[in-house]
Amino acid sequence: MLQVDHQRWGQTVADLRDLALSAAHPRSRERFLALHEIAAGSCATAVAERTGRRAQTVMGWLHAYNEHGPEALTYQRTGGRPPFAPISPPRSASRFAPRNARRPVHRSPAPM
């Protein structure tokens, strides 16, 4: 059975719960809460079923914590568009347009 090695990092089971309640991001809260439940005596597979995650995912969180400490479970954005960012046209779009596309269009008078 897998164990949470919280003593290695100078933490207690209560510290894991505090991390789960005070983490800035929901994903971090979920990870620390899962570790808290495992440290309190629950099985990683049961925690995975209860949270709707795969058992391998929860065990991966456990291994990451045991090897690298609490920083390994803190969520960090890895890229992509920032959430809720307004979509704006690129600034250089008019620079690359053909010259005639930037000129104003003058219509000839209608024939009589």
C-alpha atoms as a PDB file:
ATOM      1  CA  MET A   1       0.000   0.000   0.000  1.00  0.00           C
ATOM      2  CA  LEU A   2       1.281   3.458  -0.890  1.00  0.00           C
ATOM      3  CA  GLN A   3       2.002   5.865   1.952  1.00  0.00           C
ATOM      4  CA  VAL A   4       2.243   9.647   1.996  1.00  0.00           C
ATOM      5  CA  ASP A   5       5.742  10.519   3.253  1.00  0.00           C
ATOM      6  CA  HIS A   6       4.712  13.829   4.836  1.00  0.00           C
ATOM      7  CA  GLN A   7       7.273  13.530   7.658  1.00  0.00           C
ATOM      8  CA  ARG A   8      10.096  13.745   5.118  1.00  0.00           C
ATOM      9  CA  TRP A   9       8.929  17.275   4.321  1.00  0.00           C
ATOM     10  CA  GLY A  10       8.292  18.281   7.936  1.00  0.00           C
ATOM     11  CA  GLN A  11       4.521  18.145   7.593  1.00  0.00           C
ATOM     12  CA  THR A  12       1.629  16.439   9.311  1.00  0.00           C
ATOM     13  CA  VAL A  13      -1.697  15.157   8.032  1.00  0.00           C
ATOM     14  CA  ALA A  14      -3.268  18.399   9.303  1.00  0.00           C
ATOM     15  CA  ASP A  15      -0.729  20.409   7.275  1.00  0.00           C
ATOM     16  CA  LEU A  16      -1.877  18.624   4.109  1.00  0.00           C
ATOM     17  CA  ARG A  17      -5.453  19.593   4.920  1.00  0.00           C
ATOM     18  CA  ASP A  18      -4.401  23.210   5.501  1.00  0.00           C
ATOM     19  CA  LEU A  19      -2.602  23.214   2.133  1.00  0.00           C
ATOM     20  CA  ALA A  20      -5.755  21.833   0.512  1.00  0.00           C
ATOM     21  CA  LEU A  21      -7.881  24.594   2.018  1.00  0.00           C
ATOM     22  CA  SER A  22      -5.492  27.467   1.354  1.00  0.00           C
ATOM     23  CA  ALA A  23      -4.074  26.655  -2.099  1.00  0.00           C
ATOM     24  CA  ALA A  24      -4.618  29.384  -4.670  1.00  0.00           C
ATOM     25  CA  HIS A  25      -5.707  27.140  -7.548  1.00  0.00           C
ATOM     26  CA  PRO A  26      -8.506  24.509  -7.565  1.00  0.00           C
ATOM     27  CA  ARG A  27      -6.199  21.880  -9.065  1.00  0.00           C
ATOM     28  CA  SER A  28      -3.707  22.314  -6.238  1.00  0.00           C
ATOM     29  CA  ARG A  29      -6.532  22.087  -3.692  1.00  0.00           C
ATOM     30  CA  GLU A  30      -7.750  18.852  -5.272  1.00  0.00           C
ATOM     31  CA  ARG A  31      -4.272  17.295  -5.186  1.00  0.00           C
ATOM     32  CA  PHE A  32      -3.550  18.201  -1.564  1.00  0.00           C
ATOM     33  CA  LEU A  33      -6.993  17.042  -0.466  1.00  0.00           C
ATOM     34  CA  ALA A  34      -6.426  13.687  -2.170  1.00  0.00           C
ATOM     35  CA  LEU A  35      -3.104  13.323  -0.330  1.00  0.00           C
ATOM     36  CA  HIS A  36      -4.771  14.278   2.936  1.00  0.00           C
ATOM     37  CA  GLU A  37      -7.349  11.526   2.488  1.00  0.00           C
ATOM     38  CA  ILE A  38      -4.651   8.964   1.654  1.00  0.00           C
ATOM     39  CA  ALA A  39      -2.550  10.035   4.661  1.00  0.00           C
ATOM     40  CA  ALA A  40      -5.647   9.725   6.863  1.00  0.00           C
ATOM     41  CA  GLY A  41      -5.955   6.060   5.894  1.00  0.00           C
ATOM     42  CA  SER A  42      -7.915   5.961   2.649  1.00  0.00           C
ATOM     43  CA  CYS A  43      -6.801   3.971  -0.382  1.00  0.00           C
ATOM     44  CA  ALA A  44      -5.528   5.874  -3.449  1.00  0.00           C
ATOM     45  CA  THR A  45      -7.875   3.891  -5.690  1.00  0.00           C
ATOM     46  CA  ALA A  46     -10.881   4.771  -3.529  1.00  0.00           C
ATOM     47  CA  VAL A  47      -9.881   8.457  -3.549  1.00  0.00           C
ATOM     48  CA  ALA A  48      -9.608   8.315  -7.345  1.00  0.00           C
ATOM     49  CA  GLU A  49     -13.075   6.810  -7.693  1.00  0.00           C
ATOM     50  CA  ARG A  50     -14.568   9.370  -5.328  1.00  0.00           C
ATOM     51  CA  THR A  51     -12.983  12.321  -7.159  1.00  0.00           C
ATOM     52  CA  GLY A  52     -13.602  11.053 -10.681  1.00  0.00           C
ATOM     53  CA  ARG A  53      -9.886  10.764 -11.473  1.00  0.00           C
ATOM     54  CA  ARG A  54      -7.963   7.781 -12.727  1.00  0.00           C
ATOM     55  CA  ALA A  55      -6.121   5.812 -10.059  1.00  0.00           C
ATOM     56  CA  GLN A  56      -2.831   6.318 -11.944  1.00  0.00           C
ATOM     57  CA  THR A  57      -3.323  10.092 -11.745  1.00  0.00           C
ATOM     58  CA  VAL A  58      -3.786  10.078  -7.969  1.00  0.00           C
ATOM     59  CA  MET A  59      -0.835   7.712  -7.541  1.00  0.00           C
ATOM     60  CA  GLY A  60       1.233  10.030  -9.721  1.00  0.00           C
ATOM     61  CA  TRP A  61       0.415  12.911  -7.338  1.00  0.00           C
ATOM     62  CA  LEU A  62       1.467  10.706  -4.433  1.00  0.00           C
ATOM     63  CA  HIS A  63       4.782   9.762  -6.038  1.00  0.00           C
ATOM     64  CA  ALA A  64       5.482  13.377  -7.043  1.00  0.00           C
ATOM     65  CA  TYR A  65       4.872  14.541  -3.467  1.00  0.00           C
ATOM     66  CA  ASN A  66       7.006  11.797  -1.953  1.00  0.00           C
ATOM     67  CA  GLU A  67       9.906  12.523  -4.309  1.00  0.00           C
ATOM     68  CA  HIS A  68       9.798  16.332  -4.669  1.00  0.00           C
ATOM     69  CA  GLY A  69       7.673  17.699  -1.834  1.00  0.00           C
ATOM     70  CA  PRO A  70       4.620  19.963  -1.785  1.00  0.00           C
ATOM     71  CA  GLU A  71       5.947  22.201  -4.573  1.00  0.00           C
ATOM     72  CA  ALA A  72       5.470  19.308  -7.000  1.00  0.00           C
ATOM     73  CA  LEU A  73       1.688  19.463  -6.526  1.00  0.00           C
ATOM     74  CA  THR A  74       1.287  23.207  -6.865  1.00  0.00           C
ATOM     75  CA  TYR A  75      -0.447  23.990 -10.149  1.00  0.00           C
ATOM     76  CA  GLN A  76       1.576  26.014 -12.648  1.00  0.00           C
ATOM     77  CA  ARG A  77       0.307  27.205 -16.012  1.00  0.00           C
ATOM     78  CA  THR A  78       2.470  25.810 -18.782  1.00  0.00           C
ATOM     79  CA  GLY A  79       1.368  27.965 -21.688  1.00  0.00           C
ATOM     80  CA  GLY A  80      -1.422  28.657 -24.077  1.00  0.00           C
ATOM     81  CA  ARG A  81      -3.819  31.564 -24.152  1.00  0.00           C
ATOM     82  CA  PRO A  82      -4.413  33.169 -20.760  1.00  0.00           C
ATOM     83  CA  PRO A  83      -7.886  32.416 -19.435  1.00  0.00           C
ATOM     84  CA  PHE A  84     -10.563  34.971 -20.345  1.00  0.00           C
ATOM     85  CA  ALA A  85      -8.152  37.006 -22.471  1.00  0.00           C
ATOM     86  CA  PRO A  86      -9.850  39.282 -24.977  1.00  0.00           C
ATOM     87  CA  ILE A  87      -9.187  38.362 -28.565  1.00  0.00           C
ATOM     88  CA  SER A  88      -7.539  41.250 -30.359  1.00  0.00           C
ATOM     89  CA  PRO A  89      -6.369  41.470 -33.960  1.00  0.00           C
ATOM     90  CA  PRO A  90      -2.624  41.271 -34.479  1.00  0.00           C
ATOM     91  CA  ARG A  91      -0.942  44.673 -34.632  1.00  0.00           C
ATOM     92  CA  SER A  92       1.158  43.813 -37.652  1.00  0.00           C
ATOM     93  CA  ALA A  93      -1.739  42.693 -39.861  1.00  0.00           C
ATOM     94  CA  SER A  94      -1.930  45.986 -41.764  1.00  0.00           C
ATOM     95  CA  ARG A  95       1.842  46.061 -42.248  1.00  0.00           C
ATOM     96  CA  PHE A  96       1.780  42.890 -44.275  1.00  0.00           C
ATOM     97  CA  ALA A  97      -1.296  43.716 -46.338  1.00  0.00           C
ATOM     98  CA  PRO A  98      -0.675  44.579 -50.009  1.00  0.00           C
ATOM     99  CA  ARG A  99      -0.185  48.305 -50.638  1.00  0.00           C
ATOM    100  CA  ASN A 100      -3.328  48.663 -52.702  1.00  0.00           C
ATOM    101  CA  ALA A 101      -5.390  47.140 -49.902  1.00  0.00           C
ATOM    102  CA  ARG A 102      -4.535  50.076 -47.629  1.00  0.00           C
ATOM    103  CA  ARG A 103      -5.560  52.790 -50.054  1.00  0.00           C
ATOM    104  CA  PRO A 104      -9.027  54.269 -49.768  1.00  0.00           C
ATOM    105  CA  VAL A 105     -11.452  53.118 -52.405  1.00  0.00           C
ATOM    106  CA  HIS A 106     -12.846  55.899 -54.660  1.00  0.00           C
ATOM    107  CA  ARG A 107     -15.881  54.986 -56.665  1.00  0.00           C
ATOM    108  CA  SER A 108     -16.324  56.531 -60.057  1.00  0.00           C
ATOM    109  CA  PRO A 109     -19.564  58.429 -60.651  1.00  0.00           C
ATOM    110  CA  ALA A 110     -22.396  56.362 -62.027  1.00  0.00           C
ATOM    111  CA  PRO A 111     -22.847  56.653 -65.819  1.00  0.00           C
ATOM    112  CA  MET A 112     -25.739  58.770 -66.981  1.00  0.00           C
END
